[in-house]
């Protein structure tokens, strides 16, 4: 018997057996779980955006305070006076 025929026989046997009873509140539990997962994803997305905004604000504050775009002051020697 080929692999395809064996699979067909297995499917037929599975379809001919008695199916187990499905709990009556299965749809309600699935909807509740889905809503919980959506809330969790929404909260995590908001936390991620809040953290990203915090990083941007921290970078902006550092840039304003440190001003990395300006050249550092030139180091010069003090004038020589007692000659």
N, C-alpha and C. Protein backbone atom coordinates (compact mmCIF):
# COMPACT_ATOMS: atom_id res chain seq x y z
N UNK A 1 0.85 -1.17 0.00
CA UNK A 1 0.00 0.00 0.00
C UNK A 1 0.89 1.23 0.00
N UNK A 2 0.55 2.19 -0.80
CA UNK A 2 1.35 3.40 -0.90
C UNK A 2 1.09 4.31 0.31
N UNK A 3 1.96 5.34 0.44
CA UNK A 3 1.82 6.27 1.56
C UNK A 3 0.52 7.03 1.51
N UNK A 4 0.05 7.34 0.30
CA UNK A 4 -1.20 8.09 0.17
C UNK A 4 -2.39 7.26 0.62
N UNK A 5 -2.41 5.97 0.21
CA UNK A 5 -3.52 5.10 0.61
C UNK A 5 -3.56 4.90 2.11
N UNK A 6 -2.40 4.79 2.73
CA UNK A 6 -2.33 4.60 4.18
C UNK A 6 -2.87 5.85 4.89
N UNK A 7 -2.52 7.01 4.38
CA UNK A 7 -3.02 8.26 4.98
C UNK A 7 -4.53 8.36 4.84
N UNK A 8 -5.03 8.00 3.66
CA UNK A 8 -6.48 8.03 3.46
C UNK A 8 -7.18 7.10 4.43
N UNK A 9 -6.62 5.91 4.64
CA UNK A 9 -7.22 4.97 5.58
C UNK A 9 -7.21 5.54 7.00
N UNK A 10 -6.12 6.19 7.38
CA UNK A 10 -6.06 6.78 8.72
C UNK A 10 -7.11 7.88 8.88
N UNK A 11 -7.29 8.68 7.85
CA UNK A 11 -8.29 9.76 7.91
C UNK A 11 -9.69 9.16 7.99
N UNK A 12 -9.95 8.14 7.22
CA UNK A 12 -11.28 7.49 7.29
C UNK A 12 -11.56 6.94 8.67
N UNK A 13 -10.54 6.27 9.26
CA UNK A 13 -10.74 5.73 10.62
C UNK A 13 -11.00 6.85 11.62
N UNK A 14 -10.28 7.95 11.48
CA UNK A 14 -10.49 9.06 12.41
C UNK A 14 -11.89 9.65 12.26
N UNK A 15 -12.39 9.73 11.02
CA UNK A 15 -13.71 10.31 10.80
C UNK A 15 -14.83 9.38 11.23
N UNK A 16 -14.58 8.09 11.24
CA UNK A 16 -15.62 7.12 11.61
C UNK A 16 -15.74 6.96 13.12
N UNK A 17 -14.74 7.35 13.88
CA UNK A 17 -14.82 7.18 15.33
C UNK A 17 -15.76 8.22 15.93
N UNK A 18 -16.13 7.96 17.17
CA UNK A 18 -17.02 8.87 17.89
C UNK A 18 -16.20 10.10 18.30
N UNK A 19 -16.76 11.26 18.02
CA UNK A 19 -16.06 12.50 18.35
C UNK A 19 -16.32 12.87 19.81
N UNK A 20 -15.32 13.40 20.48
CA UNK A 20 -15.53 13.79 21.88
C UNK A 20 -16.43 15.02 21.97
N UNK A 21 -17.09 15.15 23.10
CA UNK A 21 -17.97 16.29 23.34
C UNK A 21 -17.13 17.56 23.54
N UNK A 22 -17.59 18.62 22.94
CA UNK A 22 -16.93 19.92 23.08
C UNK A 22 -17.61 20.66 24.22
N UNK A 23 -16.81 21.27 25.12
CA UNK A 23 -17.43 22.01 26.23
C UNK A 23 -18.33 23.13 25.70
N UNK A 24 -19.42 23.37 26.40
CA UNK A 24 -20.40 24.36 25.95
C UNK A 24 -19.83 25.78 26.00
N UNK A 25 -18.92 26.04 26.93
CA UNK A 25 -18.40 27.40 27.07
C UNK A 25 -17.07 27.58 26.33
N UNK A 26 -16.77 26.72 25.39
CA UNK A 26 -15.49 26.79 24.68
C UNK A 26 -15.35 28.10 23.90
N UNK A 27 -16.38 28.52 23.22
CA UNK A 27 -16.31 29.75 22.43
C UNK A 27 -16.12 30.96 23.34
N UNK A 28 -16.81 30.98 24.46
CA UNK A 28 -16.68 32.11 25.39
C UNK A 28 -15.27 32.16 25.98
N UNK A 29 -14.72 31.00 26.33
CA UNK A 29 -13.36 30.96 26.87
C UNK A 29 -12.34 31.39 25.82
N UNK A 30 -12.54 30.96 24.58
CA UNK A 30 -11.62 31.34 23.50
C UNK A 30 -11.68 32.84 23.25
N UNK A 31 -12.87 33.41 23.25
CA UNK A 31 -13.00 34.86 23.05
C UNK A 31 -12.37 35.63 24.20
N UNK A 32 -12.55 35.14 25.42
CA UNK A 32 -11.97 35.77 26.59
C UNK A 32 -10.44 35.74 26.53
N UNK A 33 -9.90 34.60 26.13
CA UNK A 33 -8.44 34.46 26.01
C UNK A 33 -7.90 35.36 24.91
N UNK A 34 -8.62 35.44 23.80
CA UNK A 34 -8.20 36.32 22.72
C UNK A 34 -8.20 37.77 23.13
N UNK A 35 -9.21 38.18 23.86
CA UNK A 35 -9.28 39.57 24.34
C UNK A 35 -8.14 39.84 25.31
N UNK A 36 -7.82 38.88 26.16
CA UNK A 36 -6.72 39.05 27.11
C UNK A 36 -5.39 39.19 26.37
N UNK A 37 -5.18 38.37 25.33
CA UNK A 37 -3.95 38.46 24.54
C UNK A 37 -3.85 39.81 23.82
N UNK A 38 -4.97 40.29 23.30
CA UNK A 38 -4.95 41.59 22.63
C UNK A 38 -4.62 42.72 23.61
N UNK A 39 -5.19 42.65 24.82
CA UNK A 39 -4.88 43.67 25.83
C UNK A 39 -3.40 43.63 26.19
N UNK A 40 -2.88 42.42 26.37
CA UNK A 40 -1.46 42.28 26.72
C UNK A 40 -0.57 42.85 25.62
N UNK A 41 -0.89 42.55 24.37
CA UNK A 41 -0.10 43.08 23.25
C UNK A 41 -0.18 44.60 23.20
N UNK A 42 -1.37 45.14 23.45
CA UNK A 42 -1.54 46.59 23.41
C UNK A 42 -0.73 47.25 24.51
N UNK A 43 -0.75 46.68 25.71
CA UNK A 43 0.03 47.24 26.82
C UNK A 43 1.52 47.16 26.52
N UNK A 44 1.98 46.02 26.01
CA UNK A 44 3.40 45.88 25.68
C UNK A 44 3.81 46.86 24.59
N UNK A 45 2.96 47.06 23.59
CA UNK A 45 3.27 48.02 22.53
C UNK A 45 3.36 49.43 23.10
N UNK A 46 2.45 49.79 24.00
CA UNK A 46 2.50 51.13 24.60
C UNK A 46 3.74 51.31 25.46
N UNK A 47 4.11 50.26 26.21
CA UNK A 47 5.32 50.35 27.02
C UNK A 47 6.56 50.50 26.13
N UNK A 48 6.58 49.77 25.02
CA UNK A 48 7.70 49.87 24.09
C UNK A 48 7.80 51.29 23.51
N UNK A 49 6.67 51.85 23.12
CA UNK A 49 6.67 53.21 22.58
C UNK A 49 7.07 54.24 23.65
N UNK A 50 6.63 54.02 24.87
CA UNK A 50 7.00 54.91 25.97
C UNK A 50 8.50 54.84 26.23
N UNK A 51 9.07 53.64 26.20
CA UNK A 51 10.51 53.49 26.40
C UNK A 51 11.27 54.14 25.25
N UNK A 52 10.80 53.96 24.03
CA UNK A 52 11.46 54.58 22.88
C UNK A 52 11.40 56.11 22.99
N UNK A 53 10.27 56.64 23.40
CA UNK A 53 10.15 58.09 23.58
C UNK A 53 11.08 58.56 24.69
N UNK A 54 11.22 57.79 25.75
CA UNK A 54 12.15 58.14 26.83
C UNK A 54 13.59 58.18 26.36
N UNK A 55 13.95 57.23 25.50
CA UNK A 55 15.31 57.22 24.95
C UNK A 55 15.53 58.45 24.08
N UNK A 56 14.55 58.81 23.28
CA UNK A 56 14.69 59.99 22.42
C UNK A 56 14.82 61.25 23.27
N UNK A 57 14.02 61.38 24.30
CA UNK A 57 14.09 62.56 25.17
C UNK A 57 15.44 62.60 25.89
N UNK A 58 15.90 61.46 26.40
CA UNK A 58 17.20 61.43 27.08
C UNK A 58 18.32 61.83 26.12
N UNK A 59 18.26 61.36 24.89
CA UNK A 59 19.27 61.74 23.91
C UNK A 59 19.23 63.23 23.62
N UNK A 60 18.04 63.78 23.50
CA UNK A 60 17.91 65.21 23.21
C UNK A 60 18.46 66.04 24.38
N UNK A 61 18.17 65.65 25.61
CA UNK A 61 18.68 66.38 26.77
C UNK A 61 20.21 66.30 26.79
N UNK A 62 20.76 65.12 26.55
CA UNK A 62 22.22 64.97 26.51
C UNK A 62 22.82 65.85 25.41
N UNK A 63 22.19 65.86 24.25
CA UNK A 63 22.72 66.64 23.13
C UNK A 63 22.70 68.13 23.44
N UNK A 64 21.65 68.60 24.10
CA UNK A 64 21.57 70.02 24.43
C UNK A 64 22.61 70.38 25.49
N UNK A 65 22.82 69.50 26.46
CA UNK A 65 23.77 69.79 27.54
C UNK A 65 25.21 69.65 27.05
N UNK A 66 25.53 68.57 26.36
CA UNK A 66 26.91 68.29 25.96
C UNK A 66 27.32 69.02 24.69
N UNK A 67 26.40 69.34 23.85
CA UNK A 67 26.65 70.00 22.56
C UNK A 67 27.81 69.34 21.82
N UNK A 68 27.66 68.08 21.41
CA UNK A 68 28.76 67.36 20.78
C UNK A 68 29.12 67.88 19.40
N UNK A 69 28.31 68.72 18.81
CA UNK A 69 28.61 69.25 17.49
C UNK A 69 29.64 70.39 17.53
N UNK A 70 29.87 70.96 18.70
CA UNK A 70 30.85 72.04 18.81
C UNK A 70 32.24 71.46 19.05
N UNK A 71 33.22 72.14 18.49
CA UNK A 71 34.61 71.72 18.71
C UNK A 71 35.01 72.05 20.14
N UNK A 72 35.84 71.20 20.75
CA UNK A 72 36.27 71.51 22.12
C UNK A 72 37.16 72.75 22.12
N UNK A 73 37.17 73.49 23.23
CA UNK A 73 37.99 74.70 23.27
C UNK A 73 39.47 74.36 23.07
N UNK A 74 40.18 75.25 22.39
CA UNK A 74 41.59 75.03 22.13
C UNK A 74 42.38 75.18 23.42
N UNK A 75 43.30 74.29 23.63
CA UNK A 75 44.13 74.33 24.84
C UNK A 75 45.37 75.16 24.48
N UNK A 76 45.54 76.26 25.17
CA UNK A 76 46.70 77.12 24.92
C UNK A 76 47.51 77.25 26.19
N UNK A 77 48.77 77.55 26.04
CA UNK A 77 49.64 77.74 27.20
C UNK A 77 49.46 79.15 27.73
N UNK A 78 49.69 79.35 28.99
CA UNK A 78 49.58 80.71 29.54
C UNK A 78 50.70 81.59 28.97
N UNK A 79 50.46 82.87 28.93
CA UNK A 79 51.49 83.76 28.40
C UNK A 79 52.76 83.78 29.26
N UNK A 80 53.88 83.88 28.60
CA UNK A 80 55.17 83.92 29.28
C UNK A 80 55.51 85.37 29.59
N UNK A 81 55.61 85.78 30.90
CA UNK A 81 55.74 87.18 31.25
C UNK A 81 57.06 87.53 31.93
N UNK A 82 57.70 86.67 32.63
CA UNK A 82 58.87 87.07 33.41
C UNK A 82 60.18 86.78 32.67
N UNK A 83 60.41 87.42 31.55
CA UNK A 83 61.67 87.27 30.81
C UNK A 83 62.47 88.46 30.98
